[in-house]
């Protein structure tokens, strides 16, 4: 005997549309402020967000990193005494309940101590035709990889304003002629982000 529901086609539950999280990345302690706003898919692996941050600040992933979520840390796996860092390749942003979290942080190059505060804005619908991750804004160039930390970065910026001094010339020679601390090249960031996958 065929029931009323049989043969009418299975009622499929519509899959919820994937969302995008706007993340505001701000380099902690930097004066003037260095920041980026990126849009990322909720299905993005946390390790891929690490790659996205590296691209956004023009770093080269030479050093260790960790994301900090209250007591939880994800990044380069490590277990030493009280410090435990879980592997960020095993978790997606959707696993972290970001819509109920106002912020978290990202630490890079533990010796120099770069800290990026990540503010989570309300999730939005994916925009058709837009590739993610996508940078929608920012200010100033990121500190050069291995420049010596926040204090050295501030010293570098001051010295670059005096290009006729010995230190100004040394810094310019070290970072190259194309580095402009005042410019955040969003188009260049997005070109590099397009090389990343989900």
Protein backbone atom coordinates (compact mmCIF):
# COMPACT_ATOMS: atom_id res chain seq x y z
CA UNK A 1 0.00 0.00 0.00
CA UNK A 2 1.34 3.44 -0.94
CA UNK A 3 0.96 6.16 1.61
CA UNK A 4 -0.05 9.74 0.79
CA UNK A 5 3.52 11.04 1.22
CA UNK A 6 5.11 8.31 -0.88
CA UNK A 7 5.60 9.01 -4.57
CA UNK A 8 5.10 12.74 -4.08
CA UNK A 9 8.86 13.21 -3.99
CA UNK A 10 10.97 13.44 -0.96
CA UNK A 11 10.80 16.74 0.78
CA UNK A 12 14.34 17.94 0.97
CA UNK A 13 15.45 20.37 3.56
CA UNK A 14 16.88 23.43 1.88
CA UNK A 15 20.53 23.92 2.73
CA UNK A 16 21.20 27.22 4.45
CA UNK A 17 23.08 29.68 2.27
CA UNK A 18 26.72 30.02 3.15
CA UNK A 19 27.57 33.23 4.93
CA UNK A 20 30.52 35.59 4.88
CA UNK A 21 32.15 37.13 7.94
CA UNK A 22 33.55 40.65 7.68
CA UNK A 23 36.73 40.65 9.79
CA UNK A 24 38.45 43.86 10.83
CA UNK A 25 42.19 43.16 11.31
CA UNK A 26 44.12 45.74 13.30
CA UNK A 27 47.82 45.65 14.16
CA UNK A 28 47.93 46.13 17.94
CA UNK A 29 50.06 49.04 19.19
CA UNK A 30 50.84 50.54 15.81
CA UNK A 31 50.85 54.32 15.51
CA UNK A 32 49.72 55.31 12.99
CA UNK A 33 47.09 52.58 12.74
CA UNK A 34 47.58 49.71 10.29
CA UNK A 35 44.38 47.79 9.53
CA UNK A 36 42.55 45.68 6.93
CA UNK A 37 38.93 44.67 6.42
CA UNK A 38 38.52 41.24 4.82
CA UNK A 39 35.48 39.19 3.89
CA UNK A 40 35.86 35.45 4.49
CA UNK A 41 33.57 32.48 3.95
CA UNK A 42 32.36 30.75 7.11
CA UNK A 43 33.61 27.43 5.69
CA UNK A 44 37.19 28.73 5.48
CA UNK A 45 39.77 26.70 7.40
CA UNK A 46 41.40 28.63 10.21
CA UNK A 47 44.79 27.83 8.67
CA UNK A 48 43.62 29.57 5.49
CA UNK A 49 42.69 32.64 7.55
CA UNK A 50 46.32 32.61 8.71
CA UNK A 51 47.36 32.68 5.03
CA UNK A 52 44.91 35.52 4.41
CA UNK A 53 46.38 37.61 7.24
CA UNK A 54 49.89 36.95 5.95
CA UNK A 55 48.86 38.26 2.52
CA UNK A 56 46.95 41.24 3.95
CA UNK A 57 49.99 42.49 5.88
CA UNK A 58 52.53 41.42 3.22
CA UNK A 59 54.26 38.93 5.50
CA UNK A 60 55.88 35.72 4.28
CA UNK A 61 54.92 33.06 6.84
CA UNK A 62 58.51 32.59 8.03
CA UNK A 63 57.53 32.45 11.71
CA UNK A 64 55.17 30.67 14.08
CA UNK A 65 51.63 31.85 14.68
CA UNK A 66 48.61 31.23 16.91
CA UNK A 67 44.98 32.34 17.06
CA UNK A 68 43.73 33.04 20.57
CA UNK A 69 40.10 32.36 21.51
CA UNK A 70 39.92 32.93 25.26
CA UNK A 71 41.63 29.78 26.67
CA UNK A 72 41.91 28.04 23.28
CA UNK A 73 44.84 28.47 20.92
CA UNK A 74 45.10 27.25 17.34
CA UNK A 75 48.09 27.52 15.03
CA UNK A 76 51.39 25.71 14.65
CA UNK A 77 50.75 22.66 16.91
CA UNK A 78 52.69 22.76 20.18
CA UNK A 79 52.46 21.12 23.60
CA UNK A 80 54.89 22.44 26.18
CA UNK A 81 54.22 22.66 29.92
CA UNK A 82 51.04 24.74 30.26
CA UNK A 83 51.07 25.95 26.64
CA UNK A 84 48.95 23.95 24.20
CA UNK A 85 48.37 25.12 20.63
CA UNK A 86 46.00 22.95 18.62
CA UNK A 87 46.43 22.49 14.86
CA UNK A 88 44.58 25.23 12.95
CA UNK A 89 44.34 22.95 9.88
CA UNK A 90 41.70 20.88 11.70
CA UNK A 91 39.09 23.57 12.30
CA UNK A 92 36.88 25.77 10.13
CA UNK A 93 35.60 29.23 11.02
CA UNK A 94 32.09 27.76 11.20
CA UNK A 95 33.27 25.58 14.12
CA UNK A 96 34.20 28.63 16.21
CA UNK A 97 30.75 30.21 16.71
CA UNK A 98 32.04 33.53 15.35
CA UNK A 99 28.62 35.15 15.20
CA UNK A 100 28.54 35.05 19.02
CA UNK A 101 32.13 36.25 19.40
CA UNK A 102 32.98 39.94 19.16
CA UNK A 103 36.71 39.46 18.71
CA UNK A 104 39.74 37.19 18.88
CA UNK A 105 43.43 37.67 18.25
CA UNK A 106 46.25 36.41 16.07
CA UNK A 107 49.87 36.34 17.16
CA UNK A 108 52.70 36.11 14.66
CA UNK A 109 56.45 35.82 15.17
CA UNK A 110 56.41 35.22 18.90
CA UNK A 111 59.89 36.73 19.45
CA UNK A 112 58.92 40.07 17.88
CA UNK A 113 55.39 39.83 19.16
CA UNK A 114 53.15 41.00 16.33
CA UNK A 115 49.54 40.93 17.52
CA UNK A 116 46.55 41.40 15.27
CA UNK A 117 43.21 42.06 16.91
CA UNK A 118 40.37 40.58 14.85
CA UNK A 119 36.94 42.12 15.28
CA UNK A 120 34.07 40.03 13.97
CA UNK A 121 31.22 41.91 12.32
CA UNK A 122 27.72 40.54 11.67
CA UNK A 123 27.74 37.80 8.98
CA UNK A 124 26.35 38.70 5.56
CA UNK A 125 25.20 36.72 2.52
CA UNK A 126 27.75 35.78 -0.10
CA UNK A 127 27.83 38.15 -3.04
CA UNK A 128 27.52 36.39 -6.37
CA UNK A 129 30.62 36.77 -8.54
CA UNK A 130 32.88 37.93 -5.68
CA UNK A 131 35.83 35.68 -4.86
CA UNK A 132 36.61 35.06 -1.22
CA UNK A 133 38.61 35.90 0.76
CA UNK A 134 38.36 39.52 -0.35
CA UNK A 135 39.91 42.67 1.11
CA UNK A 136 37.55 45.65 1.06
CA UNK A 137 39.77 48.24 2.72
CA UNK A 138 42.74 49.11 4.82
CA UNK A 139 45.23 51.77 5.78
CA UNK A 140 49.01 51.84 5.53
CA UNK A 141 51.51 49.16 4.62
CA UNK A 142 52.14 46.34 7.07
CA UNK A 143 55.44 46.24 8.92
CA UNK A 144 58.13 44.48 6.88
CA UNK A 145 58.84 40.86 7.79
CA UNK A 146 61.70 40.63 10.34
CA UNK A 147 61.96 44.39 10.87
CA UNK A 148 62.49 43.85 14.60
CA UNK A 149 59.08 44.24 16.21
CA UNK A 150 56.78 47.15 17.01
CA UNK A 151 59.38 49.49 18.51
CA UNK A 152 61.79 48.91 15.61
CA UNK A 153 58.90 49.42 13.15
CA UNK A 154 58.14 52.81 14.73
CA UNK A 155 61.85 53.70 14.61
CA UNK A 156 61.96 52.64 10.96
CA UNK A 157 58.99 54.90 10.14
CA UNK A 158 60.68 57.85 11.86
CA UNK A 159 63.98 57.21 10.07
CA UNK A 160 62.29 56.96 6.66
CA UNK A 161 60.98 60.50 7.17
CA UNK A 162 64.63 61.61 7.29
CA UNK A 163 66.06 59.98 4.15
CA UNK A 164 69.21 62.11 4.24
CA UNK A 165 70.35 60.60 7.57
CA UNK A 166 72.50 57.48 7.81
CA UNK A 167 69.72 55.50 9.51
CA UNK A 168 67.19 56.70 6.95
CA UNK A 169 69.42 55.48 4.12
CA UNK A 170 70.09 52.15 5.88
CA UNK A 171 66.39 51.45 6.42
CA UNK A 172 65.55 52.42 2.84
CA UNK A 173 68.26 50.13 1.52
CA UNK A 174 67.00 47.27 3.73
CA UNK A 175 63.30 47.55 2.78
CA UNK A 176 63.85 48.57 -0.85
CA UNK A 177 62.72 51.57 -2.88
CA UNK A 178 59.11 50.40 -3.39
CA UNK A 179 58.03 50.26 0.27
CA UNK A 180 55.65 53.12 1.08
CA UNK A 181 54.45 53.03 4.68
CA UNK A 182 51.45 55.23 3.86
CA UNK A 183 49.98 52.96 1.18
CA UNK A 184 47.71 49.94 1.56
CA UNK A 185 47.43 48.45 -1.93
CA UNK A 186 44.02 46.72 -1.74
CA UNK A 187 44.15 45.67 -5.42
CA UNK A 188 47.52 43.96 -4.90
CA UNK A 189 46.21 42.24 -1.74
CA UNK A 190 43.18 40.92 -3.62
CA UNK A 191 45.33 39.73 -6.48
CA UNK A 192 47.35 37.67 -3.97
CA UNK A 193 44.23 36.51 -2.12
CA UNK A 194 42.82 35.10 -5.37
CA UNK A 195 45.64 32.56 -5.31
CA UNK A 196 44.28 31.13 -2.06
CA UNK A 197 41.58 28.45 -2.07
CA UNK A 198 38.76 27.99 0.42
